[in-house]
Amino acid sequence: MHGVHDIWLFAASGLLLNITPGPDMLYIIARSTMNGVRAGVAAALGIGAGCSVHIAAAAFGLSAVLATSATAFTVVKMLGAAYLLYMGAYLLLARKGTAKAAASPAASARRAQPGSELAPRTTLRAVFAQGFLTNALNPKVALFFLAFLPQFVDGGMAGAPPSPLAFLLLGCIFTVNGTVVNLLVAWGAARLGSLFQAGGHAGRFARWGDRCLGALFLFLGIRLALAERG
């Protein structure tokens, strides 16, 4: 079907990868517990959009440039690492403002509404963009798709390269499955976060939430900066 084989095996393998905890899932959990289910959904959709960039790059051969060019890999890697380090430092330095906003009467009223935003300074657009950029600027994700997808793609006739449509089909299946998993994680994490917030400790929760999220970004930035192509 469209140059694809063992599609059910691919879907099952992809689902197992999607439910394995990783940086993307940790980001969704952090945003959902701190900012509510809508922010978790925005984070999940942003990560899905970032995956789509890598899938398109793999389909049209752009990811191969990262696999073969040390310069291209390093440039993308350092851009991603710089963004993660910047966001980590920003969240750690801005935590006092977050605590005051979360402890305000207006924020307390919003917390009584299911799925509402818990930290008004964080917009859904910003959460989506953070999820998108942390995924799209990670060259290791591009190399993963470049190694994983071809295992389920048929070679073209007479030695011709595989059709980009096959890569796009598999990528859509992987991204849709992953987004569904991430949306469920966002819903569960938001419910858990609302329990913590209900105890009257919203300011402290927001302060520690920003610290944890900032530390996560710093860790991911350092790890990405030290990453190798192999």
Protein backbone atom coordinates (compact mmCIF):
# COMPACT_ATOMS: atom_id res chain seq x y z
CA MET A 1 0.00 0.00 0.00
CA HIS A 2 1.69 3.18 -1.28
CA GLY A 3 5.09 1.48 -1.02
CA VAL A 4 4.61 0.55 2.64
CA HIS A 5 4.81 -2.91 4.18
CA ASP A 6 4.05 -4.32 7.64
CA ILE A 7 1.99 -1.26 8.45
CA TRP A 8 0.37 -2.86 11.51
CA LEU A 9 3.78 -3.76 12.90
CA PHE A 10 4.85 -0.17 12.29
CA ALA A 11 1.78 1.18 14.09
CA ALA A 12 2.35 -1.12 17.07
CA SER A 13 6.06 -0.28 17.24
CA GLY A 14 5.35 3.41 16.99
CA LEU A 15 2.74 3.20 19.73
CA LEU A 16 5.23 1.54 22.06
CA LEU A 17 7.70 4.34 21.34
CA ASN A 18 5.00 6.96 21.91
CA ILE A 19 4.03 5.68 25.35
CA THR A 20 7.67 5.49 26.47
CA PRO A 21 8.37 8.49 28.75
CA GLY A 22 10.75 11.01 27.25
CA PRO A 23 11.47 14.75 27.09
CA ASP A 24 8.33 15.52 25.06
CA MET A 25 6.08 13.73 27.53
CA LEU A 26 7.79 15.44 30.46
CA TYR A 27 7.15 18.82 28.86
CA ILE A 28 3.47 18.00 28.35
CA ILE A 29 3.14 16.80 31.95
CA ALA A 30 4.80 19.96 33.28
CA ARG A 31 2.62 22.30 31.23
CA SER A 32 -0.57 20.38 32.04
CA THR A 33 0.00 20.29 35.79
CA MET A 34 1.02 23.96 35.93
CA ASN A 35 -1.30 25.56 33.37
CA GLY A 36 -4.23 23.19 32.90
CA VAL A 37 -5.50 20.86 30.23
CA ARG A 38 -5.68 23.52 27.49
CA ALA A 39 -1.97 24.22 27.87
CA GLY A 40 -1.27 20.48 27.82
CA VAL A 41 -3.22 20.17 24.57
CA ALA A 42 -1.29 23.11 23.09
CA ALA A 43 2.00 21.47 24.10
CA ALA A 44 0.94 18.14 22.56
CA LEU A 45 -0.11 19.80 19.30
CA GLY A 46 3.12 21.78 19.17
CA ILE A 47 5.19 18.64 19.56
CA GLY A 48 3.11 16.94 16.87
CA ALA A 49 3.75 19.87 14.54
CA GLY A 50 7.47 19.60 15.26
CA CYS A 51 7.38 15.90 14.36
CA SER A 52 5.68 16.81 11.08
CA VAL A 53 8.68 18.95 10.16
CA HIS A 54 11.04 16.01 10.66
CA ILE A 55 8.75 13.68 8.73
CA ALA A 56 8.62 16.04 5.76
CA ALA A 57 12.41 16.42 5.93
CA ALA A 58 12.85 12.63 5.89
CA ALA A 59 10.39 12.24 3.01
CA PHE A 60 12.15 14.74 0.78
CA GLY A 61 15.71 13.83 1.73
CA LEU A 62 16.56 16.82 3.89
CA SER A 63 17.23 14.71 6.97
CA ALA A 64 19.97 12.91 5.03
CA VAL A 65 21.89 16.19 5.03
CA LEU A 66 21.98 16.11 8.84
CA ALA A 67 23.16 12.50 8.74
CA THR A 68 25.99 13.20 6.33
CA SER A 69 27.03 16.77 7.12
CA ALA A 70 28.66 17.42 10.47
CA THR A 71 28.30 21.18 9.91
CA ALA A 72 24.54 21.05 9.27
CA PHE A 73 24.01 18.77 12.27
CA THR A 74 26.04 21.05 14.53
CA VAL A 75 24.26 24.22 13.39
CA VAL A 76 20.78 22.79 14.02
CA LYS A 77 21.94 21.21 17.27
CA MET A 78 23.38 24.44 18.65
CA LEU A 79 20.30 26.43 17.64
CA GLY A 80 18.12 23.97 19.51
CA ALA A 81 20.42 23.90 22.52
CA ALA A 82 20.57 27.70 22.68
CA TYR A 83 16.78 27.95 22.62
CA LEU A 84 16.38 25.34 25.37
CA LEU A 85 19.01 27.01 27.57
CA TYR A 86 17.39 30.40 27.06
CA MET A 87 13.94 29.06 28.02
CA GLY A 88 15.38 27.29 31.04
CA ALA A 89 17.08 30.43 32.31
CA TYR A 90 13.97 32.52 31.61
CA LEU A 91 11.70 30.21 33.61
CA LEU A 92 14.08 30.04 36.53
CA LEU A 93 14.52 33.82 36.68
CA ALA A 94 10.82 34.59 36.20
CA ARG A 95 9.49 32.24 38.87
CA LYS A 96 8.73 34.99 41.42
CA GLY A 97 6.35 36.73 39.04
CA THR A 98 4.67 33.41 38.34
CA ALA A 99 4.05 32.78 42.01
CA LYS A 100 2.45 36.20 42.51
CA ALA A 101 0.21 35.75 39.47
CA ALA A 102 -0.87 32.27 40.54
CA ALA A 103 -1.68 33.45 44.07
CA SER A 104 -3.82 36.40 42.95
CA PRO A 105 -7.61 36.40 43.53
CA ALA A 106 -8.28 36.33 39.79
CA ALA A 107 -6.13 33.22 39.39
CA SER A 108 -7.90 31.61 42.34
CA ALA A 109 -11.25 32.18 40.64
CA ARG A 110 -9.98 30.66 37.41
CA ARG A 111 -8.72 27.58 39.22
CA ALA A 112 -12.29 26.81 40.18
CA GLN A 113 -13.11 26.32 36.49
CA PRO A 114 -12.04 22.93 35.05
CA GLY A 115 -9.45 23.20 32.31
CA SER A 116 -8.76 26.87 32.92
CA GLU A 117 -5.33 28.48 32.68
CA LEU A 118 -3.45 28.52 35.97
CA ALA A 119 -0.71 30.98 35.02
CA PRO A 120 -2.10 33.86 32.93
CA ARG A 121 1.34 35.03 31.81
CA THR A 122 1.73 31.85 29.75
CA THR A 123 -0.30 31.97 26.55
CA LEU A 124 -1.41 28.91 24.63
CA ARG A 125 0.47 30.22 21.60
CA ALA A 126 3.69 30.37 23.63
CA VAL A 127 3.19 26.84 24.94
CA PHE A 128 2.54 25.57 21.40
CA ALA A 129 5.62 27.37 20.07
CA GLN A 130 7.82 25.97 22.85
CA GLY A 131 6.67 22.42 22.10
CA PHE A 132 7.17 22.95 18.38
CA LEU A 133 10.65 24.46 18.64
CA THR A 134 12.01 22.00 21.20
CA ASN A 135 11.07 19.19 18.82
CA ALA A 136 11.77 20.78 15.44
CA LEU A 137 15.23 22.05 16.47
CA ASN A 138 16.39 18.67 17.73
CA PRO A 139 18.42 16.96 14.97
CA LYS A 140 18.39 13.68 16.90
CA VAL A 141 14.65 13.42 16.19
CA ALA A 142 15.35 13.87 12.49
CA LEU A 143 17.93 11.09 12.56
CA PHE A 144 15.49 8.84 14.43
CA PHE A 145 12.87 9.16 11.69
CA LEU A 146 15.55 8.71 9.03
CA ALA A 147 16.54 5.38 10.65
CA PHE A 148 13.07 4.15 11.69
CA LEU A 149 10.76 4.90 8.76
CA PRO A 150 12.79 3.26 5.93
CA GLN A 151 12.46 -0.14 7.65
CA PHE A 152 8.78 -0.15 6.59
CA VAL A 153 9.16 1.41 3.14
CA ASP A 154 9.53 -0.61 -0.07
CA GLY A 155 12.35 0.31 -2.45
CA GLY A 156 11.34 1.69 -5.83
CA MET A 157 11.37 -0.33 -9.02
CA ALA A 158 14.73 -0.82 -10.75
CA GLY A 159 16.58 0.59 -7.77
CA ALA A 160 14.65 3.87 -7.74
CA PRO A 161 14.45 5.68 -4.40
CA PRO A 162 11.37 5.15 -2.24
CA SER A 163 8.37 7.38 -2.81
CA PRO A 164 8.05 10.39 -0.47
CA LEU A 165 4.38 9.46 -0.15
CA ALA A 166 5.35 6.32 1.77
CA PHE A 167 7.37 8.37 4.28
CA LEU A 168 4.53 10.85 4.66
CA LEU A 169 1.96 8.09 5.21
CA LEU A 170 4.02 6.41 7.92
CA GLY A 171 4.84 9.76 9.45
CA CYS A 172 1.18 10.72 9.65
CA ILE A 173 0.35 7.43 11.39
CA PHE A 174 3.19 7.91 13.87
CA THR A 175 2.28 11.54 14.57
CA VAL A 176 -1.44 10.91 14.98
CA ASN A 177 -0.84 8.00 17.36
CA GLY A 178 1.69 10.03 19.32
CA THR A 179 -0.64 13.03 19.53
CA VAL A 180 -3.49 10.90 20.85
CA VAL A 181 -1.19 9.47 23.53
CA ASN A 182 0.07 12.94 24.44
CA LEU A 183 -3.48 14.32 24.68
CA LEU A 184 -4.40 11.57 27.13
CA VAL A 185 -1.26 12.34 29.13
CA ALA A 186 -2.18 16.04 29.13
CA TRP A 187 -5.68 15.30 30.43
CA GLY A 188 -4.42 13.02 33.21
CA ALA A 189 -1.64 15.40 34.25
CA ALA A 190 -4.05 18.35 34.32
CA ARG A 191 -6.41 16.45 36.62
CA LEU A 192 -3.50 15.63 38.92
CA GLY A 193 -2.32 19.24 38.85
CA SER A 194 -5.77 20.52 39.82
CA LEU A 195 -5.64 18.37 42.96
CA PHE A 196 -2.36 19.98 44.00
CA GLN A 197 -3.67 23.45 43.22
CA ALA A 198 -6.88 22.96 45.21
CA GLY A 199 -5.04 22.88 48.54
CA GLY A 200 -4.48 26.64 48.61
CA HIS A 201 -0.78 26.40 47.72
CA ALA A 202 -1.03 27.71 44.16
CA GLY A 203 1.80 30.21 44.58
CA ARG A 204 4.24 27.63 45.89
CA PHE A 205 3.14 25.10 43.27
CA ALA A 206 3.65 27.61 40.45
CA ARG A 207 7.07 28.58 41.80
CA TRP A 208 8.28 25.00 41.99
CA GLY A 209 6.60 24.18 38.69
CA ASP A 210 8.60 26.87 36.92
CA ARG A 211 11.77 25.68 38.64
CA CYS A 212 11.19 22.10 37.49
CA LEU A 213 10.30 23.13 33.95
CA GLY A 214 13.27 25.49 33.77
CA ALA A 215 15.57 22.74 35.04
CA LEU A 216 14.11 20.38 32.43
CA PHE A 217 14.86 22.85 29.64
CA LEU A 218 18.40 23.37 30.91
CA PHE A 219 19.00 19.61 31.10
CA LEU A 220 17.66 19.08 27.58
CA GLY A 221 19.72 21.98 26.26
CA ILE A 222 22.96 20.66 27.76
CA ARG A 223 22.22 17.13 26.58
CA LEU A 224 21.46 18.35 23.06
CA ALA A 225 24.62 20.48 22.97
CA LEU A 226 26.68 17.40 23.84
CA ALA A 227 24.84 15.07 21.45
CA GLU A 228 26.70 13.31 18.64
CA ARG A 229 25.35 12.17 15.28
CA GLY A 230 26.00 8.52 16.00
